[in-house]
Every structure is written in C-alpha cells, then in structure tokens.
N, C-alpha and C. Protein backbone atom coordinates (compact mmCIF):
# COMPACT_ATOMS: atom_id res chain seq x y z
N MET A 1 124.42 183.10 73.84
CA MET A 1 124.38 184.49 74.25
C MET A 1 124.16 185.37 73.03
N GLU A 2 122.93 185.67 72.76
CA GLU A 2 122.58 186.52 71.62
C GLU A 2 123.01 187.95 71.89
N ARG A 3 123.65 188.57 70.92
CA ARG A 3 124.08 189.96 71.06
C ARG A 3 122.91 190.89 70.76
N ALA A 4 122.66 191.81 71.64
CA ALA A 4 121.58 192.77 71.43
C ALA A 4 121.82 193.55 70.14
N GLY A 5 120.75 193.85 69.45
CA GLY A 5 120.85 194.60 68.21
C GLY A 5 120.80 193.73 66.97
N LEU A 6 121.09 192.45 67.12
CA LEU A 6 121.02 191.55 65.96
C LEU A 6 119.62 191.00 65.79
N THR A 7 118.97 190.68 66.85
CA THR A 7 117.60 190.19 66.79
C THR A 7 116.82 190.78 67.96
N ARG A 8 115.51 190.71 67.83
CA ARG A 8 114.67 191.19 68.92
C ARG A 8 114.58 190.09 69.96
N ILE A 9 115.13 190.32 71.11
CA ILE A 9 115.14 189.30 72.15
C ILE A 9 114.31 189.73 73.35
N ASP A 10 113.34 190.59 73.11
CA ASP A 10 112.48 191.09 74.18
C ASP A 10 111.62 189.97 74.76
N ASP A 11 111.01 190.27 75.89
CA ASP A 11 110.14 189.30 76.54
C ASP A 11 108.81 189.13 75.83
N ASP A 12 108.50 189.98 74.84
CA ASP A 12 107.21 189.86 74.16
C ASP A 12 107.30 189.06 72.86
N ARG A 13 108.39 188.33 72.65
CA ARG A 13 108.50 187.51 71.44
C ARG A 13 107.79 186.18 71.65
N CYS A 14 107.58 185.49 70.56
CA CYS A 14 106.91 184.18 70.61
C CYS A 14 107.87 183.15 71.18
N GLN A 15 107.38 182.28 72.04
CA GLN A 15 108.22 181.24 72.63
C GLN A 15 108.63 180.17 71.61
N LEU A 16 107.95 180.11 70.47
CA LEU A 16 108.28 179.13 69.44
C LEU A 16 109.35 179.62 68.48
N LEU A 17 109.69 180.90 68.55
CA LEU A 17 110.70 181.47 67.66
C LEU A 17 112.10 181.02 68.07
N GLN A 18 112.83 180.49 67.13
CA GLN A 18 114.20 180.01 67.36
C GLN A 18 115.14 180.70 66.39
N TRP A 19 116.38 180.90 66.79
CA TRP A 19 117.39 181.46 65.91
C TRP A 19 118.75 180.97 66.34
N LYS A 20 119.67 181.02 65.42
CA LYS A 20 121.01 180.49 65.63
C LYS A 20 121.69 181.06 66.86
N GLY A 21 121.53 182.34 67.09
CA GLY A 21 122.18 182.99 68.22
C GLY A 21 121.80 182.44 69.57
N MET A 22 120.68 181.73 69.66
CA MET A 22 120.27 181.13 70.92
C MET A 22 121.21 180.00 71.34
N PHE A 23 121.91 179.44 70.39
CA PHE A 23 122.71 178.24 70.63
C PHE A 23 124.21 178.49 70.59
N ILE A 24 124.62 179.75 70.51
CA ILE A 24 126.03 180.09 70.49
C ILE A 24 126.41 180.66 71.84
N ASP A 25 127.28 179.96 72.53
CA ASP A 25 127.71 180.39 73.85
C ASP A 25 129.17 180.81 73.75
N ALA A 26 129.38 182.02 73.26
CA ALA A 26 130.74 182.53 73.09
C ALA A 26 130.76 184.02 73.41
N MET A 27 131.85 184.46 73.92
CA MET A 27 132.02 185.88 74.19
C MET A 27 132.23 186.62 72.87
N TRP A 28 131.65 187.80 72.76
CA TRP A 28 131.78 188.60 71.55
C TRP A 28 133.16 189.21 71.48
N ASP A 29 133.81 189.07 70.33
CA ASP A 29 135.13 189.66 70.09
C ASP A 29 134.92 190.95 69.30
N PRO A 30 135.25 192.11 69.86
CA PRO A 30 135.00 193.38 69.16
C PRO A 30 135.81 193.53 67.88
N LYS A 31 136.84 192.71 67.67
CA LYS A 31 137.62 192.76 66.44
C LYS A 31 136.92 192.04 65.28
N VAL A 32 135.93 191.23 65.60
CA VAL A 32 135.20 190.48 64.58
C VAL A 32 133.88 191.20 64.30
N PRO A 33 133.61 191.57 63.04
CA PRO A 33 132.36 192.27 62.74
C PRO A 33 131.13 191.38 62.93
N HIS A 34 130.01 192.01 63.26
CA HIS A 34 128.76 191.27 63.43
C HIS A 34 128.37 190.61 62.12
N GLY A 35 127.90 189.38 62.20
CA GLY A 35 127.46 188.66 61.00
C GLY A 35 126.00 188.91 60.68
N ASN A 36 125.20 189.23 61.71
CA ASN A 36 123.76 189.45 61.57
C ASN A 36 123.08 188.30 60.86
N ASP A 37 123.35 187.09 61.31
CA ASP A 37 122.74 185.90 60.74
C ASP A 37 121.26 185.87 61.11
N ARG A 38 120.43 186.07 60.14
CA ARG A 38 118.99 186.13 60.37
C ARG A 38 118.33 184.82 60.00
N ALA A 39 118.85 183.73 60.52
CA ALA A 39 118.29 182.41 60.28
C ALA A 39 117.32 182.07 61.40
N PHE A 40 116.03 182.28 61.14
CA PHE A 40 114.98 182.01 62.13
C PHE A 40 114.18 180.79 61.70
N TRP A 41 113.64 180.07 62.69
CA TRP A 41 112.73 178.97 62.40
C TRP A 41 111.74 178.84 63.54
N CYS A 42 110.66 178.14 63.24
CA CYS A 42 109.60 177.91 64.21
C CYS A 42 109.84 176.56 64.89
N LEU A 43 109.71 176.52 66.19
CA LEU A 43 109.90 175.29 66.93
C LEU A 43 108.85 174.24 66.56
N THR A 44 107.68 174.69 66.18
CA THR A 44 106.60 173.76 65.81
C THR A 44 106.85 173.11 64.45
N THR A 45 107.16 173.92 63.44
CA THR A 45 107.33 173.39 62.08
C THR A 45 108.76 173.01 61.75
N GLN A 46 109.72 173.54 62.51
CA GLN A 46 111.15 173.35 62.25
C GLN A 46 111.55 173.92 60.89
N LYS A 47 110.82 174.93 60.44
CA LYS A 47 111.08 175.58 59.15
C LYS A 47 110.99 177.09 59.33
N CYS A 48 111.32 177.82 58.27
CA CYS A 48 111.23 179.28 58.30
C CYS A 48 109.80 179.76 58.05
N ILE A 49 108.88 178.83 57.92
CA ILE A 49 107.45 179.12 57.75
C ILE A 49 106.72 178.54 58.96
N GLY A 50 105.88 179.34 59.57
CA GLY A 50 105.14 178.90 60.74
C GLY A 50 103.95 178.03 60.39
N PRO A 51 103.22 177.53 61.39
CA PRO A 51 102.07 176.67 61.16
C PRO A 51 100.93 177.37 60.42
N ASP A 52 100.96 178.69 60.39
CA ASP A 52 99.95 179.46 59.67
C ASP A 52 100.41 179.82 58.26
N SER A 53 101.50 179.19 57.79
CA SER A 53 102.06 179.39 56.44
C SER A 53 102.60 180.80 56.22
N GLN A 54 102.98 181.48 57.29
CA GLN A 54 103.56 182.81 57.21
C GLN A 54 105.03 182.75 57.60
N LEU A 55 105.79 183.75 57.15
CA LEU A 55 107.21 183.85 57.42
C LEU A 55 107.48 183.95 58.92
N VAL A 56 108.58 183.35 59.36
CA VAL A 56 108.99 183.37 60.76
C VAL A 56 110.18 184.31 60.90
N ASP A 57 110.07 185.32 61.75
CA ASP A 57 111.21 186.16 62.13
C ASP A 57 110.84 186.95 63.38
N GLU A 58 111.77 187.75 63.87
CA GLU A 58 111.57 188.42 65.15
C GLU A 58 110.50 189.50 65.12
N TYR A 59 110.09 189.94 63.95
CA TYR A 59 109.03 190.96 63.85
C TYR A 59 107.69 190.35 63.45
N GLU A 60 107.71 189.37 62.58
CA GLU A 60 106.46 188.76 62.10
C GLU A 60 105.81 187.87 63.15
N CYS A 61 106.59 187.28 64.03
CA CYS A 61 106.05 186.38 65.06
C CYS A 61 105.57 187.23 66.24
N ASN A 62 104.34 187.69 66.13
CA ASN A 62 103.80 188.57 67.17
C ASN A 62 102.39 188.14 67.55
N GLU A 63 101.80 188.86 68.47
CA GLU A 63 100.49 188.48 69.04
C GLU A 63 99.34 188.53 68.04
N THR A 64 99.54 189.03 66.84
CA THR A 64 98.47 189.07 65.85
C THR A 64 98.29 187.71 65.14
N ARG A 65 99.21 186.80 65.34
CA ARG A 65 99.14 185.49 64.68
C ARG A 65 98.49 184.46 65.59
N LYS A 66 97.72 183.54 65.01
CA LYS A 66 97.01 182.54 65.77
C LYS A 66 97.96 181.57 66.48
N CYS A 67 99.13 181.34 65.90
CA CYS A 67 100.08 180.38 66.45
C CYS A 67 100.98 181.00 67.53
N TYR A 68 100.87 182.30 67.77
CA TYR A 68 101.72 183.01 68.74
C TYR A 68 101.53 182.46 70.15
N LYS A 69 102.66 182.20 70.81
CA LYS A 69 102.64 181.75 72.19
C LYS A 69 103.56 182.68 72.99
N PRO A 70 103.01 183.49 73.88
CA PRO A 70 103.86 184.40 74.65
C PRO A 70 104.79 183.65 75.58
N LEU A 71 105.91 184.27 75.90
CA LEU A 71 106.87 183.66 76.84
C LEU A 71 106.29 183.56 78.23
C-alpha cells in the first residue's frame, strides 16, 4: 500500500517501474514520519538504470522513452 505523496502512482506510469512501497502491506502510523524511500528499479533490468541506459524513477519513466510500457 503505497502512501500518496511519496511516489507518483498515477495510471500513466510505466508498468515496468518498481519501488519498495509496492511490496509493503502495512497500515500507515501517523506517529511515524514518512521515510520517502526513493528506491526505484526497472522490472526489465532489475536495476536503477533502464534498458535505454537512463535513470529509473517515477518522473523519468514516461512516454518519451522507447522502453516505456503504459499500464
């Protein structure tokens, strides 16, 4: 359950974009500050660099890249 505001989780993101928050199934505790863990990776390369040798994150992985796959 990714918390809104930490990453872009809109429907227009690349389907290959992965981040830690996708795999955390916990309720948010308001007493604990947000960590904003920006650990992104590409499902294809399994690295923080995509198949086009460019950085992977919620803003860079967009329709302008050849490797972009819409949801």
